[in-house]
Protein backbone atom coordinates (compact mmCIF):
# COMPACT_ATOMS: atom_id res chain seq x y z
CA UNK A 1 11.24 -5.56 -3.17
CA UNK A 2 9.23 -5.53 0.01
CA UNK A 3 5.51 -5.04 -0.44
CA UNK A 4 3.62 -3.65 2.59
CA UNK A 5 0.52 -1.65 3.65
CA UNK A 6 -0.26 0.22 6.74
CA UNK A 7 -3.37 -2.00 7.46
CA UNK A 8 -3.08 -2.01 11.23
CA UNK A 9 -2.79 1.78 11.29
CA UNK A 10 -5.80 2.12 8.89
CA UNK A 11 -7.96 -0.31 10.89
CA UNK A 12 -7.17 1.65 14.04
CA UNK A 13 -8.22 4.99 12.40
CA UNK A 14 -11.39 3.37 11.09
CA UNK A 15 -12.14 2.13 14.67
CA UNK A 16 -11.43 5.69 15.93
CA UNK A 17 -13.91 7.09 13.51
CA UNK A 18 -16.59 4.50 14.45
CA UNK A 19 -16.20 5.52 18.04
CA UNK A 20 -16.46 9.25 17.15
CA UNK A 21 -19.60 8.41 15.15
CA UNK A 22 -21.14 6.55 18.05
CA UNK A 23 -20.44 9.56 20.35
CA UNK A 24 -21.74 12.18 17.91
CA UNK A 25 -24.80 9.89 17.44
CA UNK A 26 -25.52 9.78 21.20
CA UNK A 27 -25.15 13.50 21.56
CA UNK A 28 -27.61 13.96 18.55
CA UNK A 29 -30.15 11.72 20.19
CA UNK A 30 -29.91 13.47 23.51
CA UNK A 31 -30.24 16.94 22.04
CA UNK A 32 -33.12 15.81 19.77
CA UNK A 33 -34.94 14.21 22.76
CA UNK A 34 -34.55 17.43 24.82
CA UNK A 35 -36.00 19.41 21.91
CA UNK A 36 -38.88 16.96 21.53
CA UNK A 37 -39.49 17.00 25.32
CA UNK A 38 -39.60 20.86 25.40
CA UNK A 39 -41.93 20.88 22.37
CA UNK A 40 -44.23 18.15 23.81
CA UNK A 41 -44.39 19.52 27.37
CA UNK A 42 -44.39 23.37 27.33
CA UNK A 43 -42.53 24.79 30.32
CA UNK A 44 -43.36 28.33 29.51
CA UNK A 45 -46.77 30.05 29.22
CA UNK A 46 -47.78 30.89 25.52
CA UNK A 47 -48.91 34.30 26.76
CA UNK A 48 -45.42 34.96 28.34
CA UNK A 49 -43.16 37.43 26.44
CA UNK A 50 -40.40 34.94 26.71
CA UNK A 51 -42.48 32.27 24.91
CA UNK A 52 -41.04 33.06 21.48
CA UNK A 53 -37.57 32.49 22.81
CA UNK A 54 -38.67 29.20 24.30
CA UNK A 55 -40.03 27.99 20.96
CA UNK A 56 -36.87 29.11 19.27
CA UNK A 57 -34.87 27.09 21.82
CA UNK A 58 -36.53 23.87 21.25
CA UNK A 59 -36.65 24.32 17.53
CA UNK A 60 -32.79 24.97 17.51
CA UNK A 61 -32.40 21.77 19.63
CA UNK A 62 -34.36 19.79 17.17
CA UNK A 63 -32.33 21.15 14.23
CA UNK A 64 -29.06 20.73 15.95
CA UNK A 65 -30.00 17.15 16.91
CA UNK A 66 -30.87 16.33 13.22
CA UNK A 67 -27.66 17.94 11.93
CA UNK A 68 -25.48 16.00 14.38
CA UNK A 69 -27.37 12.82 13.42
CA UNK A 70 -26.56 13.33 9.78
CA UNK A 71 -22.87 13.96 10.73
CA UNK A 72 -22.95 10.66 12.78
CA UNK A 73 -24.34 8.60 9.99
CA UNK A 74 -21.77 10.24 7.54
CA UNK A 75 -18.92 9.20 9.87
CA UNK A 76 -20.33 5.78 10.31
CA UNK A 77 -20.41 5.28 6.54
CA UNK A 78 -16.89 6.59 6.14
CA UNK A 79 -15.62 4.27 8.87
CA UNK A 80 -17.21 1.09 7.63
CA UNK A 81 -16.16 1.75 3.93
CA UNK A 82 -12.58 2.75 4.89
CA UNK A 83 -10.24 1.04 2.44
CA UNK A 84 -7.47 -0.89 4.07
CA UNK A 85 -5.81 -1.88 0.89
CA UNK A 86 -5.61 -1.06 -2.78
CA UNK A 87 -6.01 -3.87 -5.32
CA UNK A 88 -4.40 -1.92 -8.17
CA UNK A 89 -1.47 -1.10 -5.98
CA UNK A 90 -1.07 -4.76 -5.02
CA UNK A 91 -0.98 -5.79 -8.71
CA UNK A 92 1.68 -3.15 -9.49
CA UNK A 93 3.74 -4.18 -6.40
CA UNK A 94 3.77 -7.85 -7.62
CA UNK A 95 5.00 -6.75 -10.99
CA UNK A 96 7.73 -4.52 -9.57
CA UNK A 97 8.95 -7.25 -7.26
CA UNK A 98 10.36 -9.06 -10.27
CA UNK A 99 12.78 -6.18 -10.86
CA UNK A 100 13.66 -4.43 -7.58
CA UNK A 101 15.57 -5.93 -4.65
CA UNK A 102 14.85 -5.60 -0.90
CA UNK A 103 16.47 -2.13 -0.67
CA UNK A 104 13.08 -0.98 -2.06
CA UNK A 105 9.80 -1.08 -0.23
CA UNK A 106 6.46 -0.34 -1.90
CA UNK A 107 3.83 0.98 0.55
CA UNK A 108 0.30 0.45 -0.68
CA UNK A 109 -2.78 2.51 0.25
CA UNK A 110 -0.98 5.32 2.20
CA UNK A 111 -3.59 7.32 4.10
CA UNK A 112 -2.23 9.99 6.52
CA UNK A 113 -3.83 13.24 7.68
CA UNK A 114 -0.86 15.26 6.61
CA UNK A 115 -0.73 13.63 3.19
CA UNK A 116 -4.24 12.45 2.40
CA UNK A 117 -4.78 9.26 0.31
CA UNK A 118 -2.07 8.09 -2.04
CA UNK A 119 -2.39 4.81 -4.11
CA UNK A 120 1.21 3.62 -3.44
CA UNK A 121 4.64 5.13 -2.51
CA UNK A 122 7.93 3.39 -3.52
CA UNK A 123 10.91 4.08 -1.21
CA UNK A 124 14.43 3.09 -2.14
CA UNK A 125 17.98 4.34 -2.66
CA UNK A 126 16.91 6.56 -5.71
CA UNK A 127 14.41 8.39 -3.53
CA UNK A 128 10.60 8.43 -2.99
CA UNK A 129 8.27 7.65 -5.88
CA UNK A 130 4.47 8.57 -5.67
CA UNK A 131 2.11 6.39 -7.72
CA UNK A 132 -1.15 7.32 -9.24
CA UNK A 133 -2.61 4.01 -10.54
CA UNK A 134 -5.57 3.66 -12.86
CA UNK A 135 -7.50 0.86 -14.52
CA UNK A 136 -9.18 3.06 -17.13
CA UNK A 137 -9.26 1.95 -20.75
CA UNK A 138 -9.17 4.02 -24.02
CA UNK A 139 -6.97 6.18 -26.21
CA UNK A 140 -5.26 8.90 -24.32
CA UNK A 141 -3.13 12.00 -25.12
CA UNK A 142 -1.17 13.51 -22.36
CA UNK A 143 0.24 16.84 -23.03
CA UNK A 144 2.09 18.44 -20.03
CA UNK A 145 -0.49 18.11 -17.32
CA UNK A 146 -3.46 17.93 -19.58
CA UNK A 147 -5.30 14.64 -20.67
CA UNK A 148 -7.38 14.19 -23.73
CA UNK A 149 -9.35 11.14 -24.93
CA UNK A 150 -9.30 10.14 -28.63
CA UNK A 151 -12.80 8.92 -29.85
CA UNK A 152 -13.06 6.20 -32.50
CA UNK A 153 -13.87 8.94 -34.92
CA UNK A 154 -10.48 10.59 -34.29
CA UNK A 155 -11.89 13.56 -32.35
CA UNK A 156 -10.21 14.45 -29.22
CA UNK A 157 -12.25 15.48 -26.16
CA UNK A 158 -11.38 16.01 -22.48
CA UNK A 159 -10.46 12.75 -20.92
CA UNK A 160 -12.67 13.11 -17.84
CA UNK A 161 -9.58 12.17 -15.75
CA UNK A 162 -6.45 14.07 -14.88
CA UNK A 163 -3.90 11.82 -13.10
CA UNK A 164 -1.04 14.23 -13.65
CA UNK A 165 -2.66 16.97 -11.49
CA UNK A 166 -3.59 14.45 -8.87
CA UNK A 167 0.01 12.93 -8.97
CA UNK A 168 1.54 16.55 -8.61
CA UNK A 169 -0.66 17.20 -5.50
CA UNK A 170 0.43 13.94 -4.06
CA UNK A 171 4.11 14.65 -4.74
CA UNK A 172 3.77 18.04 -3.07
CA UNK A 173 2.14 16.61 0.06
CA UNK A 174 4.68 13.82 0.41
CA UNK A 175 7.56 16.35 -0.09
CA UNK A 176 6.08 18.68 2.56
CA UNK A 177 5.54 15.68 4.90
CA UNK A 178 9.19 14.61 4.71
CA UNK A 179 10.37 18.33 4.95
CA UNK A 180 8.55 18.69 8.22
CA UNK A 181 10.64 15.72 9.46
CA UNK A 182 13.81 17.49 8.53
CA UNK A 183 14.44 15.58 5.19
CA UNK A 184 14.86 18.95 3.30
CA UNK A 185 16.67 17.47 0.27
CA UNK A 186 14.83 14.02 0.08
CA UNK A 187 13.92 13.60 -3.71
CA UNK A 188 10.31 12.97 -4.41
CA UNK A 189 9.21 11.74 -7.91
CA UNK A 190 5.92 10.66 -9.41
CA UNK A 191 4.51 8.20 -12.04
CA UNK A 192 1.06 7.57 -13.56
CA UNK A 193 0.51 3.88 -14.07
CA UNK A 194 -2.21 2.10 -16.18
CA UNK A 195 -2.61 -1.47 -15.18
CA UNK A 196 -4.35 -2.41 -18.45
CA UNK A 197 -2.18 -3.45 -21.31
CA UNK A 198 -1.44 -1.62 -24.58
CA UNK A 199 -4.48 -3.31 -26.27
CA UNK A 200 -6.82 -1.59 -23.85
CA UNK A 201 -4.96 1.58 -23.12
CA UNK A 202 -3.22 3.60 -25.89
CA UNK A 203 -0.97 6.41 -24.62
CA UNK A 204 0.43 9.28 -26.70
CA UNK A 205 2.75 11.65 -24.66
CA UNK A 206 3.86 15.08 -25.50
CA UNK A 207 6.31 16.51 -22.78
CA UNK A 208 4.34 15.05 -19.93
CA UNK A 209 4.89 16.76 -16.55
CA UNK A 210 4.48 13.42 -14.69
CA UNK A 211 5.49 10.34 -16.76
CA UNK A 212 2.72 7.93 -17.60
CA UNK A 213 3.36 4.24 -18.17
CA UNK A 214 1.70 0.89 -18.77
CA UNK A 215 2.36 -1.30 -15.80
CA UNK A 216 4.55 -3.53 -17.98
CA UNK A 217 6.71 -0.58 -18.98
CA UNK A 218 7.30 1.03 -15.59
CA UNK A 219 10.98 0.13 -15.29
CA UNK A 220 12.02 1.58 -18.74
CA UNK A 221 9.96 4.69 -18.11
CA UNK A 222 11.63 5.30 -14.73
CA UNK A 223 15.22 4.51 -15.94
CA UNK A 224 16.03 8.10 -17.16
CA UNK A 225 14.57 9.72 -13.99
CA UNK A 226 13.79 8.02 -10.69
CA UNK A 227 16.01 4.92 -11.37
CA UNK A 228 18.90 6.90 -12.85
CA UNK A 229 20.97 6.89 -9.63
CA UNK A 230 20.95 6.31 -5.93
CA UNK A 231 20.22 9.50 -3.88
CA UNK A 232 19.45 8.24 -0.21
CA UNK A 233 21.27 5.88 2.08
CA UNK A 234 19.42 2.80 3.50
CA UNK A 235 18.91 4.19 7.07
CA UNK A 236 16.96 7.07 5.47
CA UNK A 237 14.90 4.69 3.26
CA UNK A 238 13.99 2.77 6.33
CA UNK A 239 12.99 5.89 8.36
CA UNK A 240 10.76 7.07 5.60
CA UNK A 241 9.09 3.50 5.47
CA UNK A 242 8.52 3.64 9.14
CA UNK A 243 6.83 7.05 8.96
CA UNK A 244 4.50 6.07 6.02
CA UNK A 245 3.56 2.80 7.70
CA UNK A 246 2.74 4.65 10.90
CA UNK A 247 5.33 2.64 13.02
């Protein structure tokens, strides 16, 4: 199995956001400076009937400059913290590589405007498989799309996570992305993966909408659905790979 990530594409996007942050910051400083200048050096007579409008003008300039500066800082933080890889996806990929041949490619850390962020996507002859990967620990019950956590006392409470809902949203976005590229019947599946072993994560499933699995049990869990048969030819696999990598 090939194991890839769109790192160059993500670095390029991060650099674009850095440039945008710099541009917005420059505009914010300019507008703010104009506002300060107008406030410090009155260009209108306080007794003039237009003075109230003048005051409003420089106050708006100061507010707009401050708002744009906040936006610039937010963009800069986003750019410098942009993830170019996903460690959990890498761990999962290394495990899967023991069982899947080079007809398959796992793309880590997928981040595209039309899809959003997805932990990983496996593309191969059976179709496209969307991963939601977690390193949470605990005793979980998955009923349909709902997740509960079992406390040591035996009480069940909301789990505080809902990877099924997140996975369903990712599946829908990936399917829509492929349909826009004329792959109307391309099968898209999903799986929720816990990288911690059975000693740290206990799973009870009751008709799950998206199958959950310990990392070590991914293959058996996928055999009845995603891995049941081949549904795509290899040229289609390679085309989807190129799209998701941004090539």
